[in-house]
Protein backbone atom coordinates (compact mmCIF):
# COMPACT_ATOMS: atom_id res chain seq x y z
CA MET A 1 -77.64 41.35 254.35
CA ALA A 2 -74.48 39.66 253.17
CA GLN A 3 -72.78 40.92 250.07
CA LYS A 4 -71.92 38.65 247.20
CA PRO A 5 -68.21 38.15 246.47
CA SER A 6 -68.60 39.81 243.06
CA ASP A 7 -69.81 43.02 244.69
CA GLN A 8 -66.73 43.42 246.88
CA THR A 9 -64.40 46.28 245.83
CA SER A 10 -61.33 44.95 247.61
CA SER A 11 -60.85 41.92 245.31
CA PRO A 12 -57.99 42.32 242.82
CA GLU A 13 -58.83 42.50 239.11
CA ARG A 14 -57.62 39.57 237.03
CA LYS A 15 -56.13 40.26 233.62
CA SER A 16 -57.09 38.04 230.75
CA PRO A 17 -54.44 35.54 229.55
CA GLN A 18 -54.23 37.42 226.22
CA THR A 19 -53.33 40.68 227.98
CA GLU A 20 -50.65 38.96 230.09
CA CYS A 21 -49.14 37.31 226.97
CA GLY A 22 -49.22 40.59 225.05
CA THR A 23 -47.41 42.38 227.86
CA PHE A 24 -44.79 39.62 228.05
CA TYR A 25 -44.12 39.77 224.30
CA GLN A 26 -43.88 43.56 224.34
CA LEU A 27 -41.36 43.36 227.17
CA ALA A 28 -39.36 40.65 225.35
CA ILE A 29 -39.25 42.72 222.14
CA ALA A 30 -38.21 45.85 224.02
CA LEU A 31 -35.38 44.01 225.80
CA SER A 32 -34.21 42.43 222.52
CA LEU A 33 -34.08 45.81 220.80
CA LEU A 34 -32.22 47.29 223.75
CA GLY A 35 -29.67 44.46 223.56
CA LEU A 36 -29.16 44.94 219.82
CA LEU A 37 -28.71 48.67 220.19
CA SER A 38 -26.20 48.28 223.00
CA THR A 39 -24.06 45.78 221.08
CA ALA A 40 -24.21 47.76 217.84
CA GLY A 41 -22.54 50.68 219.58
CA CYS A 42 -19.69 48.45 220.80
CA ALA A 43 -18.07 47.81 217.42
CA SER A 44 -14.62 49.32 217.58
CA ALA A 45 -11.90 49.67 215.00
CA ALA A 46 -9.66 46.64 214.55
CA THR A 47 -6.06 47.23 215.56
CA VAL A 48 -3.72 47.80 212.65
CA GLY A 49 -0.29 46.51 213.56
CA GLU A 50 2.86 45.64 211.69
CA TYR A 51 2.69 42.67 209.35
CA PRO A 52 5.44 40.59 207.66
CA ASN A 53 4.86 41.53 204.01
CA GLN A 54 4.29 45.16 204.95
CA GLN A 55 7.71 45.27 206.61
CA LYS A 56 9.56 43.33 203.89
CA VAL A 57 8.52 45.81 201.18
CA ILE A 58 10.06 48.76 203.04
CA GLY A 59 13.22 49.88 201.24
CA LYS A 60 12.13 48.70 197.78
CA SER A 61 11.94 51.19 194.92
CA LYS A 62 8.70 52.48 193.43
CA ALA A 63 9.44 50.51 190.24
CA ASP A 64 9.93 47.29 192.25
CA VAL A 65 6.59 47.73 194.04
CA LEU A 66 4.75 48.46 190.80
CA ALA A 67 6.34 45.40 189.21
CA CYS A 68 5.42 42.97 191.99
CA ALA A 69 2.17 44.40 193.41
CA GLY A 70 0.73 45.47 190.07
CA LYS A 71 -1.12 48.59 189.06
CA PRO A 72 -2.57 50.49 192.04
CA VAL A 73 -6.19 51.67 192.22
CA LYS A 74 -4.96 55.22 192.82
CA GLU A 75 -1.46 56.70 193.00
CA LEU A 76 0.34 54.04 195.09
CA GLN A 77 -2.89 53.02 196.81
CA TYR A 78 -4.04 49.42 196.52
CA TYR A 79 -7.33 47.75 197.49
CA ARG A 80 -8.12 44.10 197.86
CA GLU A 81 -11.44 42.63 198.86
CA ALA A 82 -12.04 39.24 200.42
CA PRO A 83 -13.00 36.46 197.98
CA VAL A 84 -16.72 35.86 197.60
CA LEU A 85 -16.58 32.34 199.05
CA GLU A 86 -14.86 33.67 202.17
CA GLU A 87 -17.85 35.92 202.77
CA SER A 88 -20.47 33.20 203.15
CA GLN A 89 -20.85 30.85 206.07
CA PRO A 90 -22.33 27.37 205.52
CA VAL A 91 -25.59 26.91 207.40
CA GLY A 92 -27.31 23.55 207.06
CA LYS A 93 -27.81 22.88 203.36
CA GLY A 94 -27.42 26.54 202.40
CA SER A 95 -25.22 29.46 203.28
CA MET A 96 -25.56 32.84 204.94
CA SER A 97 -23.67 35.87 203.72
CA THR A 98 -21.43 37.81 206.07
CA ASN A 99 -20.04 41.34 205.96
CA ARG A 100 -18.00 42.24 202.89
CA HIS A 101 -14.55 43.33 203.88
CA GLY A 102 -11.31 44.42 202.34
CA CYS A 103 -8.17 46.42 202.95
CA TRP A 104 -6.60 49.60 201.56
CA ALA A 105 -2.81 49.68 201.43
CA THR A 106 -1.13 53.05 200.90
CA VAL A 107 2.55 53.00 199.93
CA VAL A 108 4.56 55.94 201.28
CA LEU A 109 7.71 56.89 199.35
CA THR A 110 10.67 59.06 200.25
CA GLU A 111 13.18 59.68 197.46
CA ASP A 112 11.71 56.83 195.35
CA ARG A 113 12.00 54.27 198.20
CA VAL A 114 9.20 52.74 200.28
CA THR A 115 9.40 54.13 203.81
CA ASP A 116 6.01 52.93 205.06
CA ILE A 117 2.91 51.03 204.03
CA ARG A 118 -0.29 51.97 205.82
CA TYR A 119 -3.17 49.53 206.03
CA ARG A 120 -6.77 50.66 206.49
CA PHE A 121 -9.50 48.06 206.94
CA ALA A 122 -12.96 48.29 205.38
CA PRO A 123 -15.06 48.16 207.48
CA PRO A 124 -12.79 49.47 210.24
CA SER A 125 -14.19 47.00 212.79
CA MET A 126 -12.95 43.95 210.85
CA ASP A 127 -9.30 42.89 210.69
CA ALA A 128 -8.65 42.45 206.97
CA SER A 129 -4.84 42.47 207.20
CA ASN A 130 -4.72 39.18 205.30
CA ASP A 131 -6.21 40.98 202.28
CA CYS A 132 -3.53 43.70 202.37
CA GLU A 133 -0.77 41.17 202.96
CA ALA A 134 -1.94 39.28 199.86
CA ILE A 135 -1.33 42.40 197.74
CA PHE A 136 2.38 42.23 198.57
CA ASP A 137 2.80 38.41 198.48
CA PRO A 138 4.52 38.56 195.05
CA CYS A 139 6.95 41.19 196.39
CA VAL A 140 8.44 38.92 199.05
CA GLN A 141 8.71 35.62 197.19
């Protein structure tokens, strides 16, 4: 007697289209998450270099710096944050917010004279040197 094709054990099982789609979407989500995790770990600190205003203030007295840069947040430590409009990107008819960022500037004195100004970006991965430079704009004009 001949066997019917449905009784044969050697035929491969077919998955339903829903199962194949579900597996594809699970794989796509897993790969997306893996990509996000790998790029999130790549954020490195922005390089803090030497900037024009930072260098031009060196040699000034403490009184001169207080007069031109204004009152510090802490003892000779200034902070400036990016303007709100700088932190949103236009998208179509609306806008999308971006990371808030700013810069800490610490004035180092030796015998009442500026010997160094150290910039520290917040967050460290974003170059916010323009914010620190803006603190000392009145000192070099």
